Amino acid sequence: MESSGATEGQIDNPASQVASASVLFGPAEVVAKVADAAFGRPLVTNVLRAQLVEAMIALVLDPAWHWCGADYAPCDFERADGLRLEVKQSAARQSWSTDKPSKAIFDVAARTGRNEAQGWVEEYGRAAHLYVFAHHPTFDDSADHRDPAQWLFYVVPTTALPDVKQIALGTIKTMTDAVPISMLAETVAAVASTISNPRTA
């Protein structure tokens, strides 16, 4: 019988064999490949575009707000005092079609509950205390979803939203004015200052 190289009583470990093999690339190369495939073109798919917009917002709200959006998270950002912020985004030009601008409609439906650190909390309503609606209005060939300067942001307290499942950009425009990325942090702070602290209210 041919020996596998293991001493008597030992079992070969496939993981150790893989680790000892010659590796042509590592995690950094894999991440770079994925990043290029996902974000290497000006027009980003809808699902990935949400992460892109959240990253932009994180860059201007950090460190006051923690980017906590993940699987089943109740919101996208949270402040130390418990204030929660939700991000919704839409773009006029989509990655799959250039025939006509896409109508901006955002999901704002109330939920039956939310996931917290201690588990599921059954409480009907919207988990966030304020919303940032991000819209990319550029439709011509200069459209680049990755460019923060091409986005407009609308900050709305949750209490101002009507009892609907979806809301159109036109309705949001009647509630507040758009601001560029350079003014987003101060606008969020101003709107947040009008909301009662959830931990003391």
N, C-alpha and C. Protein backbone atom coordinates (compact mmCIF):
# COMPACT_ATOMS: atom_id res chain seq x y z
N MET A 1 0.85 -1.20 0.00
CA MET A 1 0.00 0.00 0.00
C MET A 1 0.88 1.24 0.00
N GLU A 2 0.52 2.20 -0.86
CA GLU A 2 1.30 3.42 -0.92
C GLU A 2 1.00 4.30 0.28
N SER A 3 2.03 4.93 0.78
CA SER A 3 1.86 5.80 1.94
C SER A 3 1.40 7.17 1.48
N SER A 4 0.48 7.77 2.25
CA SER A 4 -0.02 9.11 1.94
C SER A 4 0.88 10.18 2.52
N GLY A 5 1.84 9.74 3.32
CA GLY A 5 2.72 10.72 3.94
C GLY A 5 2.39 10.94 5.39
N ALA A 6 1.23 10.47 5.85
CA ALA A 6 0.84 10.63 7.24
C ALA A 6 1.40 9.49 8.06
N THR A 7 1.79 9.77 9.28
CA THR A 7 2.28 8.72 10.16
C THR A 7 1.11 7.89 10.65
N GLU A 8 1.39 6.72 11.16
CA GLU A 8 0.34 5.82 11.62
C GLU A 8 -0.50 6.48 12.71
N GLY A 9 -1.82 6.38 12.56
CA GLY A 9 -2.72 6.96 13.55
C GLY A 9 -3.14 8.38 13.22
N GLN A 10 -2.53 8.97 12.20
CA GLN A 10 -2.89 10.33 11.80
C GLN A 10 -3.75 10.31 10.55
N ILE A 11 -4.58 11.33 10.41
CA ILE A 11 -5.44 11.46 9.25
C ILE A 11 -4.98 12.67 8.45
N ASP A 12 -4.87 12.47 7.15
CA ASP A 12 -4.46 13.59 6.30
C ASP A 12 -5.43 14.75 6.44
N ASN A 13 -4.90 15.95 6.52
CA ASN A 13 -5.72 17.17 6.63
C ASN A 13 -5.71 17.88 5.28
N PRO A 14 -6.84 17.83 4.53
CA PRO A 14 -6.88 18.48 3.22
C PRO A 14 -6.54 19.96 3.29
N ALA A 15 -6.97 20.61 4.38
CA ALA A 15 -6.71 22.04 4.51
C ALA A 15 -5.22 22.34 4.54
N SER A 16 -4.48 21.49 5.25
CA SER A 16 -3.04 21.70 5.33
C SER A 16 -2.38 21.48 3.98
N GLN A 17 -2.94 20.56 3.20
CA GLN A 17 -2.39 20.32 1.87
C GLN A 17 -2.63 21.52 0.97
N VAL A 18 -3.82 22.11 1.09
CA VAL A 18 -4.13 23.29 0.30
C VAL A 18 -3.24 24.45 0.70
N ALA A 19 -3.05 24.62 2.03
CA ALA A 19 -2.25 25.72 2.53
C ALA A 19 -0.80 25.63 2.08
N SER A 20 -0.32 24.39 1.95
CA SER A 20 1.07 24.21 1.57
C SER A 20 1.28 24.29 0.07
N ALA A 21 0.19 24.26 -0.69
CA ALA A 21 0.30 24.34 -2.14
C ALA A 21 0.71 25.75 -2.56
N SER A 22 1.20 25.85 -3.76
CA SER A 22 1.60 27.15 -4.28
C SER A 22 0.35 27.96 -4.64
N VAL A 23 0.14 29.10 -3.97
CA VAL A 23 -1.03 29.94 -4.20
C VAL A 23 -0.65 31.10 -5.12
N LEU A 24 -1.42 31.26 -6.19
CA LEU A 24 -1.10 32.29 -7.17
C LEU A 24 -1.67 33.65 -6.81
N PHE A 25 -2.66 33.68 -5.92
CA PHE A 25 -3.28 34.94 -5.53
C PHE A 25 -3.88 34.79 -4.14
N GLY A 26 -4.16 35.92 -3.51
CA GLY A 26 -4.71 35.90 -2.16
C GLY A 26 -5.99 36.70 -2.05
N PRO A 27 -6.45 36.96 -0.82
CA PRO A 27 -7.71 37.69 -0.61
C PRO A 27 -7.74 39.06 -1.28
N ALA A 28 -6.63 39.77 -1.25
CA ALA A 28 -6.60 41.12 -1.82
C ALA A 28 -6.89 41.09 -3.32
N GLU A 29 -6.34 40.11 -4.00
CA GLU A 29 -6.57 40.00 -5.44
C GLU A 29 -8.02 39.63 -5.74
N VAL A 30 -8.59 38.76 -4.90
CA VAL A 30 -9.99 38.36 -5.09
C VAL A 30 -10.91 39.57 -4.89
N VAL A 31 -10.66 40.32 -3.82
CA VAL A 31 -11.48 41.51 -3.54
C VAL A 31 -11.36 42.53 -4.67
N ALA A 32 -10.16 42.73 -5.18
CA ALA A 32 -9.95 43.68 -6.27
C ALA A 32 -10.69 43.24 -7.53
N LYS A 33 -10.70 41.94 -7.79
CA LYS A 33 -11.39 41.41 -8.96
C LYS A 33 -12.89 41.62 -8.85
N VAL A 34 -13.43 41.34 -7.67
CA VAL A 34 -14.87 41.53 -7.44
C VAL A 34 -15.23 43.01 -7.52
N ALA A 35 -14.41 43.86 -6.91
CA ALA A 35 -14.68 45.30 -6.92
C ALA A 35 -14.70 45.85 -8.34
N ASP A 36 -13.79 45.37 -9.17
CA ASP A 36 -13.74 45.84 -10.55
C ASP A 36 -14.97 45.37 -11.33
N ALA A 37 -15.38 44.12 -11.09
CA ALA A 37 -16.56 43.59 -11.78
C ALA A 37 -17.82 44.32 -11.35
N ALA A 38 -17.90 44.66 -10.06
CA ALA A 38 -19.10 45.30 -9.53
C ALA A 38 -19.14 46.80 -9.78
N PHE A 39 -18.00 47.46 -9.64
CA PHE A 39 -17.97 48.92 -9.67
C PHE A 39 -17.00 49.49 -10.71
N GLY A 40 -16.54 48.66 -11.62
CA GLY A 40 -15.57 49.12 -12.61
C GLY A 40 -16.15 49.88 -13.78
N ARG A 41 -17.49 49.95 -13.83
CA ARG A 41 -18.16 50.67 -14.90
C ARG A 41 -19.01 51.80 -14.31
N PRO A 42 -19.26 52.85 -15.09
CA PRO A 42 -20.01 54.01 -14.56
C PRO A 42 -21.41 53.68 -14.07
N LEU A 43 -22.10 52.76 -14.74
CA LEU A 43 -23.46 52.39 -14.35
C LEU A 43 -23.43 51.12 -13.52
N VAL A 44 -23.93 51.21 -12.32
CA VAL A 44 -23.88 50.10 -11.36
C VAL A 44 -25.28 49.51 -11.20
N THR A 45 -25.36 48.19 -11.08
CA THR A 45 -26.66 47.54 -10.93
C THR A 45 -27.35 48.01 -9.66
N ASN A 46 -28.66 47.90 -9.65
CA ASN A 46 -29.46 48.48 -8.57
C ASN A 46 -29.07 47.96 -7.19
N VAL A 47 -28.89 46.65 -7.05
CA VAL A 47 -28.57 46.07 -5.74
C VAL A 47 -27.22 46.58 -5.23
N LEU A 48 -26.22 46.57 -6.10
CA LEU A 48 -24.89 47.02 -5.69
C LEU A 48 -24.83 48.54 -5.53
N ARG A 49 -25.67 49.25 -6.25
CA ARG A 49 -25.68 50.71 -6.16
C ARG A 49 -26.09 51.17 -4.76
N ALA A 50 -26.92 50.38 -4.09
CA ALA A 50 -27.32 50.72 -2.73
C ALA A 50 -26.10 50.77 -1.81
N GLN A 51 -25.21 49.78 -1.95
CA GLN A 51 -23.99 49.77 -1.14
C GLN A 51 -23.08 50.94 -1.50
N LEU A 52 -23.05 51.26 -2.78
CA LEU A 52 -22.22 52.37 -3.24
C LEU A 52 -22.67 53.69 -2.59
N VAL A 53 -23.97 53.92 -2.59
CA VAL A 53 -24.51 55.15 -2.01
C VAL A 53 -24.29 55.18 -0.50
N GLU A 54 -24.50 54.04 0.15
CA GLU A 54 -24.26 53.98 1.59
C GLU A 54 -22.80 54.28 1.92
N ALA A 55 -21.89 53.82 1.07
CA ALA A 55 -20.47 54.09 1.30
C ALA A 55 -20.18 55.59 1.19
N MET A 56 -20.79 56.24 0.21
CA MET A 56 -20.62 57.70 0.08
C MET A 56 -21.11 58.41 1.34
N ILE A 57 -22.29 58.00 1.80
CA ILE A 57 -22.88 58.63 2.98
C ILE A 57 -22.03 58.35 4.22
N ALA A 58 -21.51 57.14 4.31
CA ALA A 58 -20.65 56.79 5.45
C ALA A 58 -19.42 57.69 5.50
N LEU A 59 -18.89 58.02 4.35
CA LEU A 59 -17.69 58.86 4.30
C LEU A 59 -17.94 60.27 4.82
N VAL A 60 -19.17 60.76 4.69
CA VAL A 60 -19.45 62.12 5.17
C VAL A 60 -20.06 62.14 6.57
N LEU A 61 -20.68 61.03 7.00
CA LEU A 61 -21.30 61.01 8.32
C LEU A 61 -20.38 60.46 9.41
N ASP A 62 -19.36 59.73 9.02
CA ASP A 62 -18.42 59.19 10.01
C ASP A 62 -17.65 60.33 10.69
N PRO A 63 -17.41 60.29 12.00
CA PRO A 63 -17.70 59.20 12.94
C PRO A 63 -19.00 59.37 13.73
N ALA A 64 -19.77 60.40 13.41
CA ALA A 64 -20.99 60.65 14.20
C ALA A 64 -22.01 59.52 14.05
N TRP A 65 -22.03 58.92 12.87
CA TRP A 65 -22.96 57.84 12.59
C TRP A 65 -22.19 56.58 12.23
N HIS A 66 -22.66 55.45 12.75
CA HIS A 66 -22.04 54.16 12.47
C HIS A 66 -22.77 53.47 11.33
N TRP A 67 -22.03 53.07 10.31
CA TRP A 67 -22.61 52.35 9.17
C TRP A 67 -22.86 50.91 9.60
N CYS A 68 -24.11 50.57 9.82
CA CYS A 68 -24.45 49.26 10.38
C CYS A 68 -25.28 48.41 9.44
N GLY A 69 -25.50 48.88 8.22
CA GLY A 69 -26.31 48.12 7.28
C GLY A 69 -25.70 46.77 6.98
N ALA A 70 -26.45 45.71 7.18
CA ALA A 70 -26.01 44.34 6.93
C ALA A 70 -27.25 43.48 6.79
N ASP A 71 -27.04 42.17 6.70
CA ASP A 71 -28.18 41.26 6.59
C ASP A 71 -29.14 41.46 7.75
N TYR A 72 -30.38 41.77 7.42
CA TYR A 72 -31.47 41.90 8.41
C TYR A 72 -31.27 43.02 9.43
N ALA A 73 -30.36 43.93 9.17
CA ALA A 73 -30.18 45.07 10.08
C ALA A 73 -31.42 45.96 10.01
N PRO A 74 -31.83 46.56 11.14
CA PRO A 74 -33.05 47.37 11.15
C PRO A 74 -32.89 48.72 10.46
N CYS A 75 -31.64 49.13 10.22
CA CYS A 75 -31.40 50.42 9.57
C CYS A 75 -30.01 50.39 8.93
N ASP A 76 -29.66 51.46 8.26
CA ASP A 76 -28.36 51.53 7.59
C ASP A 76 -27.30 52.26 8.42
N PHE A 77 -27.74 53.24 9.23
CA PHE A 77 -26.82 53.98 10.08
C PHE A 77 -27.45 54.18 11.45
N GLU A 78 -26.59 54.22 12.48
CA GLU A 78 -27.10 54.47 13.83
C GLU A 78 -26.14 55.39 14.57
N ARG A 79 -26.71 56.32 15.31
CA ARG A 79 -25.91 57.24 16.11
C ARG A 79 -25.77 56.68 17.52
N ALA A 80 -24.81 57.18 18.27
CA ALA A 80 -24.55 56.65 19.61
C ALA A 80 -25.75 56.77 20.54
N ASP A 81 -26.60 57.76 20.30
CA ASP A 81 -27.77 57.96 21.16
C ASP A 81 -28.96 57.10 20.75
N GLY A 82 -28.77 56.24 19.73
CA GLY A 82 -29.83 55.33 19.32
C GLY A 82 -30.64 55.79 18.13
N LEU A 83 -30.37 56.98 17.62
CA LEU A 83 -31.09 57.49 16.46
C LEU A 83 -30.71 56.64 15.24
N ARG A 84 -31.72 56.23 14.47
CA ARG A 84 -31.49 55.35 13.33
C ARG A 84 -31.84 56.05 12.02
N LEU A 85 -31.03 55.77 11.00
CA LEU A 85 -31.18 56.41 9.69
C LEU A 85 -31.25 55.34 8.61
N GLU A 86 -32.18 55.52 7.69
CA GLU A 86 -32.35 54.59 6.57
C GLU A 86 -32.02 55.30 5.26
N VAL A 87 -31.35 54.61 4.36
CA VAL A 87 -30.98 55.16 3.06
C VAL A 87 -31.76 54.46 1.96
N LYS A 88 -32.34 55.25 1.07
CA LYS A 88 -33.01 54.73 -0.12
C LYS A 88 -32.42 55.45 -1.33
N GLN A 89 -32.24 54.73 -2.42
CA GLN A 89 -31.62 55.34 -3.58
C GLN A 89 -32.33 54.94 -4.87
N SER A 90 -32.17 55.79 -5.87
CA SER A 90 -32.71 55.51 -7.20
C SER A 90 -31.91 56.32 -8.21
N ALA A 91 -31.86 55.82 -9.44
CA ALA A 91 -31.11 56.51 -10.49
C ALA A 91 -31.95 56.61 -11.76
N ALA A 92 -31.82 57.72 -12.46
CA ALA A 92 -32.57 57.93 -13.70
C ALA A 92 -32.11 56.97 -14.79
N ARG A 93 -30.81 56.72 -14.83
CA ARG A 93 -30.28 55.82 -15.84
C ARG A 93 -29.86 54.51 -15.18
N GLN A 94 -30.41 53.42 -15.68
CA GLN A 94 -30.12 52.10 -15.14
C GLN A 94 -29.07 51.39 -15.98
N SER A 95 -28.45 50.38 -15.40
CA SER A 95 -27.39 49.66 -16.10
C SER A 95 -27.94 48.80 -17.23
N TRP A 96 -29.23 48.46 -17.19
CA TRP A 96 -29.79 47.54 -18.17
C TRP A 96 -30.60 48.24 -19.28
N SER A 97 -30.87 49.54 -19.15
CA SER A 97 -31.69 50.21 -20.14
C SER A 97 -31.34 51.69 -20.22
N THR A 98 -31.34 52.21 -21.46
CA THR A 98 -31.06 53.64 -21.66
C THR A 98 -32.15 54.29 -22.51
N ASP A 99 -33.31 53.63 -22.62
CA ASP A 99 -34.39 54.14 -23.46
C ASP A 99 -35.01 55.42 -22.91
N LYS A 100 -35.30 55.42 -21.62
CA LYS A 100 -35.91 56.58 -20.99
C LYS A 100 -35.57 56.59 -19.50
N PRO A 101 -35.60 57.74 -18.87
CA PRO A 101 -35.25 57.81 -17.44
C PRO A 101 -36.17 56.95 -16.59
N SER A 102 -35.58 56.30 -15.62
CA SER A 102 -36.34 55.46 -14.69
C SER A 102 -37.04 56.35 -13.66
N LYS A 103 -38.29 56.06 -13.38
CA LYS A 103 -39.05 56.84 -12.40
C LYS A 103 -38.57 56.50 -11.00
N ALA A 104 -38.31 57.52 -10.21
CA ALA A 104 -37.78 57.31 -8.86
C ALA A 104 -38.92 57.07 -7.87
N ILE A 105 -39.01 55.83 -7.39
CA ILE A 105 -39.99 55.45 -6.38
C ILE A 105 -39.25 54.69 -5.28
N PHE A 106 -39.49 55.04 -4.04
CA PHE A 106 -38.74 54.47 -2.92
C PHE A 106 -39.66 53.66 -2.00
N ASP A 107 -39.13 52.55 -1.50
CA ASP A 107 -39.86 51.71 -0.56
C ASP A 107 -39.76 52.31 0.84
N VAL A 108 -40.90 52.63 1.42
CA VAL A 108 -40.92 53.16 2.79
C VAL A 108 -41.96 52.42 3.64
N ALA A 109 -42.25 51.21 3.24
CA ALA A 109 -43.29 50.43 3.92
C ALA A 109 -42.93 50.15 5.38
N ALA A 110 -43.92 50.23 6.23
CA ALA A 110 -43.73 49.86 7.64
C ALA A 110 -43.56 48.34 7.73
N ARG A 111 -42.84 47.88 8.74
CA ARG A 111 -42.60 46.45 8.93
C ARG A 111 -43.27 45.98 10.22
N THR A 112 -43.40 44.67 10.32
CA THR A 112 -44.04 44.11 11.52
C THR A 112 -43.11 44.11 12.73
N GLY A 113 -41.82 44.29 12.50
CA GLY A 113 -40.86 44.31 13.59
C GLY A 113 -39.46 44.52 13.04
N ARG A 114 -38.46 44.31 13.87
CA ARG A 114 -37.08 44.53 13.44
C ARG A 114 -36.14 43.65 14.26
N ASN A 115 -34.96 43.42 13.70
CA ASN A 115 -33.92 42.67 14.39
C ASN A 115 -33.07 43.62 15.22
N GLU A 116 -32.90 43.29 16.48
CA GLU A 116 -32.01 44.03 17.37
C GLU A 116 -30.95 43.05 17.88
N ALA A 117 -29.99 43.57 18.64
CA ALA A 117 -28.91 42.72 19.16
C ALA A 117 -29.45 41.57 20.00
N GLN A 118 -30.55 41.84 20.72
CA GLN A 118 -31.11 40.81 21.59
C GLN A 118 -32.06 39.88 20.86
N GLY A 119 -32.32 40.16 19.57
CA GLY A 119 -33.21 39.30 18.80
C GLY A 119 -34.33 40.09 18.14
N TRP A 120 -35.36 39.39 17.74
CA TRP A 120 -36.48 40.00 17.03
C TRP A 120 -37.35 40.82 17.97
N VAL A 121 -37.63 42.06 17.56
CA VAL A 121 -38.51 42.94 18.32
C VAL A 121 -39.79 43.14 17.52
N GLU A 122 -40.89 42.66 18.04
CA GLU A 122 -42.16 42.78 17.33
C GLU A 122 -42.79 44.14 17.61
N GLU A 123 -42.65 45.03 16.66
CA GLU A 123 -43.17 46.39 16.80
C GLU A 123 -43.46 46.94 15.41
N TYR A 124 -44.71 47.12 15.10
CA TYR A 124 -45.09 47.58 13.77
C TYR A 124 -44.67 49.04 13.56
N GLY A 125 -44.12 49.30 12.40
CA GLY A 125 -43.73 50.67 12.08
C GLY A 125 -42.45 50.71 11.27
N ARG A 126 -41.90 51.89 11.15
CA ARG A 126 -40.63 52.09 10.45
C ARG A 126 -39.53 52.15 11.50
N ALA A 127 -38.49 51.38 11.29
CA ALA A 127 -37.42 51.28 12.30
C ALA A 127 -36.58 52.54 12.39
N ALA A 128 -36.42 53.24 11.27
CA ALA A 128 -35.56 54.43 11.25
C ALA A 128 -36.29 55.68 11.73
N HIS A 129 -35.53 56.61 12.28
CA HIS A 129 -36.10 57.88 12.74
C HIS A 129 -36.01 58.96 11.66
N LEU A 130 -35.13 58.77 10.70
CA LEU A 130 -35.06 59.68 9.56
C LEU A 130 -34.56 58.93 8.34
N TYR A 131 -34.88 59.47 7.18
CA TYR A 131 -34.53 58.85 5.90
C TYR A 131 -33.66 59.79 5.08
N VAL A 132 -32.73 59.18 4.34
CA VAL A 132 -31.99 59.91 3.32
C VAL A 132 -32.37 59.28 1.98
N PHE A 133 -33.05 60.05 1.15
CA PHE A 133 -33.41 59.59 -0.19
C PHE A 133 -32.37 60.14 -1.16
N ALA A 134 -31.64 59.24 -1.80
CA ALA A 134 -30.58 59.64 -2.73
C ALA A 134 -31.06 59.42 -4.16
N HIS A 135 -30.89 60.44 -4.99
CA HIS A 135 -31.32 60.32 -6.38
C HIS A 135 -30.21 60.76 -7.32
N HIS A 136 -30.00 59.95 -8.36
CA HIS A 136 -29.00 60.25 -9.38
C HIS A 136 -29.78 60.66 -10.64
N PRO A 137 -29.89 61.96 -10.91
CA PRO A 137 -30.75 62.43 -12.00
C PRO A 137 -30.13 62.42 -13.39
N THR A 138 -28.83 62.25 -13.50
CA THR A 138 -28.15 62.34 -14.79
C THR A 138 -28.53 61.17 -15.68
N PHE A 139 -28.96 61.47 -16.92
CA PHE A 139 -29.40 60.41 -17.82
C PHE A 139 -28.53 60.30 -19.07
N ASP A 140 -27.76 61.32 -19.40
CA ASP A 140 -26.95 61.26 -20.62
C ASP A 140 -25.72 60.39 -20.40
N ASP A 141 -24.84 60.37 -21.38
CA ASP A 141 -23.68 59.49 -21.33
C ASP A 141 -22.64 59.87 -20.28
N SER A 142 -22.82 61.02 -19.65
CA SER A 142 -21.89 61.42 -18.58
C SER A 142 -22.27 60.78 -17.24
N ALA A 143 -23.39 60.07 -17.20
CA ALA A 143 -23.86 59.46 -15.95
C ALA A 143 -22.83 58.51 -15.37
N ASP A 144 -22.48 58.73 -14.12
CA ASP A 144 -21.53 57.88 -13.41
C ASP A 144 -22.03 57.73 -11.98
N HIS A 145 -22.62 56.58 -11.69
CA HIS A 145 -23.18 56.35 -10.36
C HIS A 145 -22.13 56.43 -9.25
N ARG A 146 -20.87 56.27 -9.61
CA ARG A 146 -19.80 56.26 -8.61
C ARG A 146 -19.36 57.66 -8.19
N ASP A 147 -19.83 58.67 -8.90
CA ASP A 147 -19.42 60.05 -8.64
C ASP A 147 -20.35 60.70 -7.62
N PRO A 148 -19.89 60.97 -6.41
CA PRO A 148 -20.75 61.57 -5.38
C PRO A 148 -21.33 62.92 -5.80
N ALA A 149 -20.61 63.65 -6.65
CA ALA A 149 -21.07 64.98 -7.07
C ALA A 149 -22.30 64.91 -7.96
N GLN A 150 -22.59 63.75 -8.53
CA GLN A 150 -23.75 63.61 -9.41
C GLN A 150 -25.03 63.24 -8.66
N TRP A 151 -24.93 63.03 -7.36
CA TRP A 151 -26.10 62.63 -6.58
C TRP A 151 -26.73 63.81 -5.85
N LEU A 152 -28.04 63.73 -5.65
CA LEU A 152 -28.78 64.69 -4.84
C LEU A 152 -29.40 63.94 -3.67
N PHE A 153 -29.45 64.59 -2.52
CA PHE A 153 -29.91 63.92 -1.30
C PHE A 153 -31.05 64.71 -0.65
N TYR A 154 -32.06 63.97 -0.21
CA TYR A 154 -33.23 64.55 0.45
C TYR A 154 -33.34 63.92 1.83
N VAL A 155 -33.29 64.73 2.86
CA VAL A 155 -33.33 64.22 4.25
C VAL A 155 -34.70 64.53 4.84
N VAL A 156 -35.38 63.47 5.28
CA VAL A 156 -36.76 63.62 5.77
C VAL A 156 -36.93 62.87 7.08
N PRO A 157 -37.50 63.50 8.11
CA PRO A 157 -37.80 62.76 9.34
C PRO A 157 -38.92 61.76 9.07
N THR A 158 -38.85 60.62 9.70
CA THR A 158 -39.84 59.57 9.47
C THR A 158 -41.26 60.04 9.77
N THR A 159 -41.41 60.89 10.76
CA THR A 159 -42.74 61.37 11.14
C THR A 159 -43.40 62.19 10.04
N ALA A 160 -42.61 62.69 9.09
CA ALA A 160 -43.16 63.50 8.00
C ALA A 160 -43.66 62.64 6.84
N LEU A 161 -43.31 61.37 6.84
CA LEU A 161 -43.71 60.49 5.74
C LEU A 161 -45.17 60.08 5.87
N PRO A 162 -45.89 60.03 4.75
CA PRO A 162 -47.28 59.58 4.79
C PRO A 162 -47.35 58.07 5.02
N ASP A 163 -48.53 57.58 5.37
CA ASP A 163 -48.73 56.16 5.63
C ASP A 163 -48.91 55.42 4.31
N VAL A 164 -47.79 55.22 3.61
CA VAL A 164 -47.80 54.56 2.31
C VAL A 164 -46.66 53.54 2.27
N LYS A 165 -46.74 52.62 1.30
CA LYS A 165 -45.68 51.62 1.15
C LYS A 165 -44.56 52.12 0.25
N GLN A 166 -44.91 52.97 -0.70
CA GLN A 166 -43.93 53.54 -1.61
C GLN A 166 -44.17 55.04 -1.74
N ILE A 167 -43.08 55.75 -2.00
CA ILE A 167 -43.21 57.20 -2.16
C ILE A 167 -42.40 57.64 -3.37
N ALA A 168 -42.99 58.52 -4.16
CA ALA A 168 -42.34 59.01 -5.37
C ALA A 168 -41.45 60.21 -5.06
N LEU A 169 -40.46 60.41 -5.91
CA LEU A 169 -39.54 61.53 -5.71
C LEU A 169 -40.29 62.86 -5.74
N GLY A 170 -41.31 62.96 -6.58
CA GLY A 170 -42.08 64.19 -6.65
C GLY A 170 -42.71 64.57 -5.32
N THR A 171 -43.18 63.56 -4.59
CA THR A 171 -43.77 63.82 -3.27
C THR A 171 -42.70 64.26 -2.28
N ILE A 172 -41.54 63.62 -2.35
CA ILE A 172 -40.44 63.98 -1.45
C ILE A 172 -40.01 65.43 -1.68
N LYS A 173 -40.04 65.85 -2.93
CA LYS A 173 -39.64 67.22 -3.25
C LYS A 173 -40.57 68.26 -2.64
N THR A 174 -41.79 67.87 -2.32
CA THR A 174 -42.71 68.80 -1.67
C THR A 174 -42.43 68.92 -0.18
N MET A 175 -41.61 68.02 0.35
CA MET A 175 -41.31 67.99 1.78
C MET A 175 -40.01 68.70 2.13
N THR A 176 -39.05 68.64 1.21
CA THR A 176 -37.73 69.19 1.52
C THR A 176 -36.98 69.48 0.23
N ASP A 177 -35.90 70.24 0.34
CA ASP A 177 -35.05 70.55 -0.81
C ASP A 177 -33.90 69.56 -0.90
N ALA A 178 -33.40 69.39 -2.09
CA ALA A 178 -32.24 68.52 -2.30
C ALA A 178 -30.97 69.24 -1.87
N VAL A 179 -30.01 68.45 -1.40
CA VAL A 179 -28.69 68.99 -1.07
C VAL A 179 -27.62 68.12 -1.73
N PRO A 180 -26.47 68.70 -2.06
CA PRO A 180 -25.37 67.91 -2.61
C PRO A 180 -24.66 67.16 -1.49
N ILE A 181 -23.77 66.28 -1.86
CA ILE A 181 -23.04 65.48 -0.88
C ILE A 181 -22.26 66.38 0.09
N SER A 182 -21.81 67.53 -0.37
CA SER A 182 -21.02 68.43 0.47
C SER A 182 -21.83 69.03 1.62
N MET A 183 -23.16 69.02 1.50
CA MET A 183 -24.01 69.59 2.54
C MET A 183 -24.80 68.52 3.29
N LEU A 184 -24.55 67.27 2.98
CA LEU A 184 -25.36 66.20 3.56
C LEU A 184 -25.18 66.07 5.06
N ALA A 185 -23.95 66.11 5.55
CA ALA A 185 -23.70 65.92 6.98
C ALA A 185 -24.40 66.98 7.82
N GLU A 186 -24.30 68.24 7.41
CA GLU A 186 -24.94 69.31 8.19
C GLU A 186 -26.46 69.23 8.09
N THR A 187 -26.97 68.77 6.96
CA THR A 187 -28.42 68.64 6.80
C THR A 187 -28.96 67.51 7.67
N VAL A 188 -28.25 66.39 7.69
CA VAL A 188 -28.65 65.27 8.54
C VAL A 188 -28.63 65.71 10.00
N ALA A 189 -27.59 66.43 10.40
CA ALA A 189 -27.48 66.91 11.78
C ALA A 189 -28.64 67.84 12.14
N ALA A 190 -29.01 68.70 11.19
CA ALA A 190 -30.10 69.65 11.44
C ALA A 190 -31.43 68.93 11.61
N VAL A 191 -31.70 67.97 10.74
CA VAL A 191 -32.95 67.21 10.83
C VAL A 191 -32.96 66.36 12.09
N ALA A 192 -31.83 65.74 12.39
CA ALA A 192 -31.73 64.89 13.59
C ALA A 192 -31.98 65.69 14.86
N SER A 193 -31.60 66.95 14.85
CA SER A 193 -31.77 67.78 16.05
C SER A 193 -33.24 68.06 16.36
N THR A 194 -34.11 67.83 15.40
CA THR A 194 -35.55 68.05 15.61
C THR A 194 -36.26 66.80 16.11
N ILE A 195 -35.51 65.69 16.20
CA ILE A 195 -36.11 64.41 16.58
C ILE A 195 -35.78 64.10 18.03
N SER A 196 -36.75 63.68 18.79
CA SER A 196 -36.54 63.33 20.20
C SER A 196 -35.58 62.17 20.31
N ASN A 197 -34.69 62.25 21.29
CA ASN A 197 -33.74 61.17 21.54
C ASN A 197 -34.52 59.91 21.90
N PRO A 198 -34.36 58.83 21.11
CA PRO A 198 -35.14 57.61 21.36
C PRO A 198 -34.85 56.95 22.70
N ARG A 199 -33.72 57.28 23.32
CA ARG A 199 -33.37 56.65 24.59
C ARG A 199 -33.83 57.46 25.80
N THR A 200 -34.34 58.67 25.53
CA THR A 200 -34.83 59.49 26.64
C THR A 200 -36.28 59.91 26.46
N ALA A 201 -36.79 59.69 25.24
CA ALA A 201 -38.17 60.10 24.95
C ALA A 201 -39.17 59.25 25.72
